[in-house]
Amino acid sequence: MKIAVLSQNPNLYSTKRLIEAGMNKGHEMHIIDHSKCDLIIEKKRPGLIYQGKELEGFDGVIPRIGASITFYGTAVVRQFEMMKVFSSVESQALVRSRDKLRSLQILSRAGLGLPKTIFSNYSKNVGAIIDKAGGAPVVIKLLEGTQGLGVVLADNRNSAESILEAFNGLQARVIVQEFIKEAKGADIRAFVIDGVVVGSMKRQGKEGEFRSNLHRGGSAQIIELTDEEENAAIKAAKCLGLGVAGVDMLQSDRGPLILEVNSSPGLEGIEAATGKNIAGKIIKYVERNVD
């Protein structure tokens, strides 16, 4: 098969592993920088131009779309879909998962556990928002933040009010979430492919850090999920329409609480923690659907 990995950086671990896994299975693998593609929109003949040549003959595409280029990256994925090329992450599911507010609403409608979350239209009554989230401490998140950036823990009421007022003054969209104390600065990443959890790890924030992201200096170790956690991860990926997803959860006294569902989850942390060939499983997923 001829498979494209959409990535702006060929040196990223995830990109290199997907290329390696595909080549090991005998596939023709290509790295395509989606930000440099031109779209041909024509009746019954959609196309893509990359490096001066029209892209042809691809069987599958694996999107690795960064948050900063979601709009254009999604348009490129959609164009491949119009060309009858299978995508491991559908364009609509990519858009759905990148909109934090929309995805939380979908997860809530599906009956999944979530930290209590408040969103408002730059309300001046910031005290009421904090109260509705259960009072300080609260977690304040920019809707556009990734990898732990734009996430703040306000440990008392005064700081929470000041942070919200500052964000409102900048007209920056934020959500306010209850702080789950019993999680103790840790979360779970469940990697779901085609409705099956293929690997899971527990990520622990470094000393004095409530964010557990590995990019923020956190550590990870393999973990065996409970049935409730596994079912929650599978259901979260399914209701957002994602064939490949990293589902982030908190362990709480009332069961697993979904934080986020990532449509381009990194492979380095999960492969290191579990010792599993996750990249190979993504290639197998593409193979099944192309066949």
Protein backbone atom coordinates (compact mmCIF):
# COMPACT_ATOMS: atom_id res chain seq x y z
CA MET A 1 0.00 0.00 0.00
CA LYS A 2 0.95 3.63 -0.43
CA ILE A 3 0.46 5.49 2.85
CA ALA A 4 1.03 9.16 3.70
CA VAL A 5 1.85 10.45 7.17
CA LEU A 6 0.75 14.08 7.42
CA SER A 7 3.41 15.76 9.55
CA GLN A 8 5.21 19.10 9.58
CA ASN A 9 8.28 17.60 11.25
CA PRO A 10 9.85 14.40 9.87
CA ASN A 11 12.13 14.20 12.92
CA LEU A 12 9.34 13.77 15.49
CA TYR A 13 9.33 10.41 17.26
CA SER A 14 5.74 9.64 16.27
CA THR A 15 6.35 10.44 12.61
CA LYS A 16 9.52 8.35 12.43
CA ARG A 17 7.88 5.40 14.19
CA LEU A 18 4.89 5.37 11.83
CA ILE A 19 7.18 5.46 8.80
CA GLU A 20 9.31 2.66 10.28
CA ALA A 21 6.28 0.52 11.17
CA GLY A 22 4.79 0.92 7.70
CA MET A 23 8.04 0.09 5.93
CA ASN A 24 8.47 -2.99 8.10
CA LYS A 25 5.14 -4.20 6.72
CA GLY A 26 6.30 -3.60 3.15
CA HIS A 27 4.31 -0.44 2.50
CA GLU A 28 5.42 2.60 0.50
CA MET A 29 5.54 5.36 3.11
CA HIS A 30 5.61 9.12 2.48
CA ILE A 31 5.86 12.11 4.84
CA ILE A 32 3.75 15.01 3.57
CA ASP A 33 3.80 18.45 5.18
CA HIS A 34 0.09 19.29 5.10
CA SER A 35 0.81 23.01 5.60
CA LYS A 36 2.48 23.05 2.16
CA CYS A 37 -0.28 21.28 0.24
CA ASP A 38 -2.47 23.10 -2.27
CA LEU A 39 -6.04 21.92 -2.73
CA ILE A 40 -7.62 21.49 -6.15
CA ILE A 41 -11.37 21.89 -5.82
CA GLU A 42 -13.04 20.84 -9.02
CA LYS A 43 -16.25 19.04 -9.96
CA LYS A 44 -15.73 15.26 -9.63
CA ARG A 45 -11.96 15.67 -9.63
CA PRO A 46 -10.64 16.82 -6.24
CA GLY A 47 -6.87 16.84 -5.96
CA LEU A 48 -3.81 17.90 -3.97
CA ILE A 49 -0.54 19.46 -5.11
CA TYR A 50 2.62 19.00 -3.04
CA GLN A 51 6.08 20.20 -4.01
CA GLY A 52 4.83 21.00 -7.50
CA LYS A 53 3.35 17.56 -8.16
CA GLU A 54 -0.18 16.21 -7.88
CA LEU A 55 -0.57 13.56 -5.17
CA GLU A 56 -1.92 10.34 -6.64
CA GLY A 57 -2.28 6.66 -5.85
CA PHE A 58 -2.48 6.85 -2.05
CA ASP A 59 -4.42 4.14 -0.22
CA GLY A 60 -4.32 5.57 3.29
CA VAL A 61 -3.34 8.66 5.23
CA ILE A 62 -2.36 9.05 8.90
CA PRO A 63 -2.89 12.64 10.09
CA ARG A 64 -0.50 14.11 12.67
CA ILE A 65 -2.07 17.57 12.73
CA GLY A 66 -0.77 20.12 15.24
CA ALA A 67 -3.33 22.22 17.12
CA SER A 68 -2.02 25.47 15.64
CA ILE A 69 -2.87 24.33 12.11
CA THR A 70 -6.11 22.44 12.76
CA PHE A 71 -8.15 24.42 10.21
CA TYR A 72 -5.86 23.88 7.24
CA GLY A 73 -4.76 20.42 8.29
CA THR A 74 -8.37 19.32 8.50
CA ALA A 75 -9.03 20.72 5.03
CA VAL A 76 -6.18 18.58 3.65
CA VAL A 77 -7.54 15.46 5.40
CA ARG A 78 -11.00 16.23 4.00
CA GLN A 79 -9.51 16.54 0.52
CA PHE A 80 -7.91 13.09 0.81
CA GLU A 81 -11.31 11.73 1.91
CA MET A 82 -12.91 13.31 -1.17
CA MET A 83 -10.27 11.46 -3.21
CA LYS A 84 -11.50 8.18 -1.64
CA VAL A 85 -8.37 7.77 0.50
CA PHE A 86 -8.89 6.21 3.94
CA SER A 87 -7.85 8.40 6.88
CA SER A 88 -7.02 6.91 10.28
CA VAL A 89 -8.62 10.03 11.78
CA GLU A 90 -11.68 11.39 9.97
CA SER A 91 -11.71 15.11 9.28
CA GLN A 92 -14.98 15.71 11.13
CA ALA A 93 -13.77 13.79 14.17
CA LEU A 94 -10.57 15.85 14.15
CA VAL A 95 -12.54 19.10 14.21
CA ARG A 96 -14.87 17.76 16.90
CA SER A 97 -12.07 16.68 19.23
CA ARG A 98 -10.06 19.91 18.83
CA ASP A 99 -12.99 22.01 20.04
CA LYS A 100 -12.64 21.43 23.79
CA LEU A 101 -16.04 22.87 24.65
CA ARG A 102 -17.87 20.95 21.94
CA SER A 103 -16.13 17.68 22.83
CA LEU A 104 -17.00 18.08 26.52
CA GLN A 105 -20.63 18.68 25.57
CA ILE A 106 -20.64 15.51 23.45
CA LEU A 107 -19.02 13.47 26.24
CA SER A 108 -21.51 14.85 28.76
CA ARG A 109 -24.45 13.93 26.50
CA ALA A 110 -23.05 10.40 26.26
CA GLY A 111 -23.21 10.07 30.04
CA LEU A 112 -19.47 9.92 30.64
CA GLY A 113 -17.91 11.14 33.87
CA LEU A 114 -16.35 14.62 33.67
CA PRO A 115 -14.93 17.13 36.14
CA LYS A 116 -17.58 19.79 36.74
CA THR A 117 -16.93 22.42 34.08
CA ILE A 118 -18.16 26.00 33.73
CA PHE A 119 -18.01 28.11 30.57
CA SER A 120 -19.31 31.65 30.22
CA ASN A 121 -19.32 34.56 27.80
CA TYR A 122 -16.77 36.74 29.65
CA SER A 123 -19.04 36.99 32.68
CA LYS A 124 -18.15 39.76 35.16
CA ASN A 125 -19.55 37.65 38.00
CA VAL A 126 -16.42 35.51 38.30
CA GLY A 127 -17.19 34.64 41.93
CA ALA A 128 -20.36 32.78 40.92
CA ILE A 129 -18.44 30.81 38.28
CA ILE A 130 -15.90 29.69 40.87
CA ASP A 131 -18.70 28.68 43.25
CA LYS A 132 -20.44 26.66 40.52
CA ALA A 133 -17.21 24.75 39.93
CA GLY A 134 -17.13 23.76 43.60
CA GLY A 135 -15.01 26.63 44.91
CA ALA A 136 -11.25 27.08 45.02
CA PRO A 137 -8.97 25.44 44.16
CA VAL A 138 -10.10 25.36 40.52
CA VAL A 139 -8.38 24.59 37.24
CA ILE A 140 -8.62 27.27 34.54
CA LYS A 141 -7.94 26.21 30.94
CA LEU A 142 -7.59 28.13 27.71
CA LEU A 143 -9.80 26.51 25.08
CA GLU A 144 -6.88 26.56 22.63
CA GLY A 145 -4.20 25.20 24.99
CA THR A 146 -2.27 21.95 24.33
CA GLN A 147 0.32 19.82 26.13
CA GLY A 148 -0.45 21.49 29.44
CA LEU A 149 0.07 25.03 28.11
CA GLY A 150 -2.67 27.47 29.04
CA VAL A 151 -3.67 25.44 32.10
CA VAL A 152 -3.56 27.15 35.50
CA LEU A 153 -4.32 25.89 39.01
CA ALA A 154 -5.81 28.68 41.10
CA ASP A 155 -5.39 27.43 44.66
CA ASN A 156 -7.44 30.15 46.38
CA ARG A 157 -10.43 32.31 45.60
CA ASN A 158 -8.53 35.58 45.17
CA SER A 159 -6.11 34.14 42.62
CA ALA A 160 -8.96 32.41 40.76
CA GLU A 161 -10.88 35.67 40.48
CA SER A 162 -7.78 37.57 39.36
CA ILE A 163 -6.92 35.01 36.68
CA LEU A 164 -10.47 34.93 35.32
CA GLU A 165 -10.68 38.72 35.24
CA ALA A 166 -7.34 38.87 33.41
CA PHE A 167 -8.42 36.32 30.80
CA ASN A 168 -11.76 38.09 30.37
CA GLY A 169 -9.94 41.39 29.86
CA LEU A 170 -7.88 39.78 27.11
CA GLN A 171 -11.05 38.20 25.67
CA ALA A 172 -9.43 34.79 25.95
CA ARG A 173 -11.93 31.92 26.07
CA VAL A 174 -11.49 29.71 29.12
CA ILE A 175 -13.25 26.93 30.97
CA VAL A 176 -13.22 26.54 34.74
CA GLN A 177 -13.08 22.99 36.16
CA GLU A 178 -13.24 21.56 39.62
CA PHE A 179 -9.93 20.39 41.06
CA ILE A 180 -9.87 16.65 41.71
CA LYS A 181 -7.69 16.47 44.81
CA GLU A 182 -7.63 12.68 45.09
CA ALA A 183 -5.98 12.39 41.64
CA LYS A 184 -2.78 13.70 43.33
CA GLY A 185 -1.35 15.28 40.20
CA ALA A 186 -1.69 12.13 38.10
CA ASP A 187 -3.84 11.11 35.17
CA ILE A 188 -4.31 8.11 32.89
CA ARG A 189 -3.75 8.03 29.12
CA ALA A 190 -5.60 5.20 27.39
CA PHE A 191 -4.62 4.67 23.76
CA VAL A 192 -7.62 3.49 21.73
CA ILE A 193 -7.42 2.09 18.20
CA ASP A 194 -10.54 0.90 16.37
CA GLY A 195 -12.56 0.55 19.57
CA VAL A 196 -9.91 -1.33 21.56
CA VAL A 197 -7.56 -0.05 24.28
CA VAL A 198 -4.13 -1.11 22.98
CA GLY A 199 -2.06 0.48 25.74
CA SER A 200 -2.43 2.57 28.88
CA MET A 201 -0.15 4.50 31.18
CA LYS A 202 -0.36 6.54 34.35
CA ARG A 203 1.32 9.92 34.13
CA GLN A 204 2.52 11.64 37.30
CA GLY A 205 3.36 15.33 37.48
CA LYS A 206 6.79 16.30 38.79
CA GLU A 207 7.16 17.58 42.35
CA GLY A 208 5.03 20.68 42.89
CA GLU A 209 3.36 20.37 39.47
CA PHE A 210 -0.34 19.47 39.12
CA ARG A 211 -0.09 18.96 35.34
CA SER A 212 0.99 15.43 34.45
CA ASN A 213 1.97 16.06 30.81
CA LEU A 214 5.26 14.43 29.85
CA HIS A 215 6.18 17.66 28.02
CA ARG A 216 6.03 19.40 31.40
CA GLY A 217 8.50 16.99 32.99
CA GLY A 218 6.06 14.34 34.20
CA SER A 219 6.83 10.62 34.34
CA ALA A 220 4.87 7.64 33.04
CA GLN A 221 4.45 3.99 33.90
CA ILE A 222 2.29 1.18 32.58
CA ILE A 223 -1.05 0.67 34.31
CA GLU A 224 -3.81 -1.92 34.06
CA LEU A 225 -7.15 -0.21 33.64
CA THR A 226 -10.25 -1.18 35.55
CA ASP A 227 -13.23 -2.31 33.47
CA GLU A 228 -14.91 1.03 34.18
CA GLU A 229 -11.87 2.99 32.98
CA GLU A 230 -11.47 0.87 29.85
CA ASN A 231 -15.15 1.18 28.94
CA ALA A 232 -15.05 4.95 29.50
CA ALA A 233 -12.05 5.33 27.19
CA ILE A 234 -13.63 3.24 24.43
CA LYS A 235 -16.95 5.07 24.71
CA ALA A 236 -15.25 8.49 24.67
CA ALA A 237 -13.34 7.70 21.46
CA LYS A 238 -16.46 6.25 19.85
CA CYS A 239 -18.79 9.13 20.61
CA LEU A 240 -16.27 11.58 19.12
CA GLY A 241 -15.88 9.34 16.07
CA LEU A 242 -12.15 8.74 16.51
CA GLY A 243 -10.57 5.53 15.23
CA VAL A 244 -7.28 6.50 16.87
CA ALA A 245 -7.37 8.45 20.15
CA GLY A 246 -5.55 9.17 23.36
CA VAL A 247 -8.14 9.44 26.13
CA ASP A 248 -6.98 11.30 29.23
CA MET A 249 -8.77 10.51 32.49
CA LEU A 250 -8.54 11.29 36.18
CA GLN A 251 -9.07 8.66 38.84
CA SER A 252 -11.60 10.07 41.28
CA ASP A 253 -13.76 8.93 44.17
CA ARG A 254 -16.73 8.83 41.78
CA GLY A 255 -14.99 6.86 39.02
CA PRO A 256 -13.02 7.87 35.92
CA LEU A 257 -13.43 11.47 34.79
CA ILE A 258 -12.58 12.32 31.17
CA LEU A 259 -10.30 15.33 30.77
CA GLU A 260 -9.68 15.30 27.04
CA VAL A 261 -9.71 13.09 23.97
CA ASN A 262 -6.65 13.67 21.79
CA SER A 263 -6.92 12.99 18.05
CA SER A 264 -3.13 13.08 17.45
CA PRO A 265 -1.74 11.39 20.57
CA GLY A 266 2.03 11.10 20.79
CA LEU A 267 3.59 7.64 20.56
CA GLU A 268 6.84 8.12 22.47
CA GLY A 269 5.43 8.11 25.99
CA ILE A 270 2.95 5.26 25.50
CA GLU A 271 5.46 3.02 23.68
CA ALA A 272 8.16 3.65 26.30
CA ALA A 273 5.79 2.98 29.21
CA THR A 274 4.11 -0.12 27.77
CA GLY A 275 6.86 -1.59 25.57
CA LYS A 276 4.21 -2.10 22.87
CA ASN A 277 4.44 -1.40 19.16
CA ILE A 278 1.60 1.13 19.03
CA ALA A 279 2.76 2.50 15.66
CA GLY A 280 2.43 -1.00 14.20
CA LYS A 281 -1.13 -1.25 15.50
CA ILE A 282 -2.04 2.01 13.73
CA ILE A 283 -0.61 0.60 10.48
CA LYS A 284 -2.70 -2.57 10.97
CA TYR A 285 -5.80 -0.39 11.48
CA VAL A 286 -5.14 1.31 8.13
CA GLU A 287 -4.55 -2.07 6.48
CA ARG A 288 -7.88 -3.46 7.72
CA ASN A 289 -9.84 -0.50 6.40
CA VAL A 290 -8.10 -0.25 3.04
CA ASP A 291 -8.54 -4.00 2.46
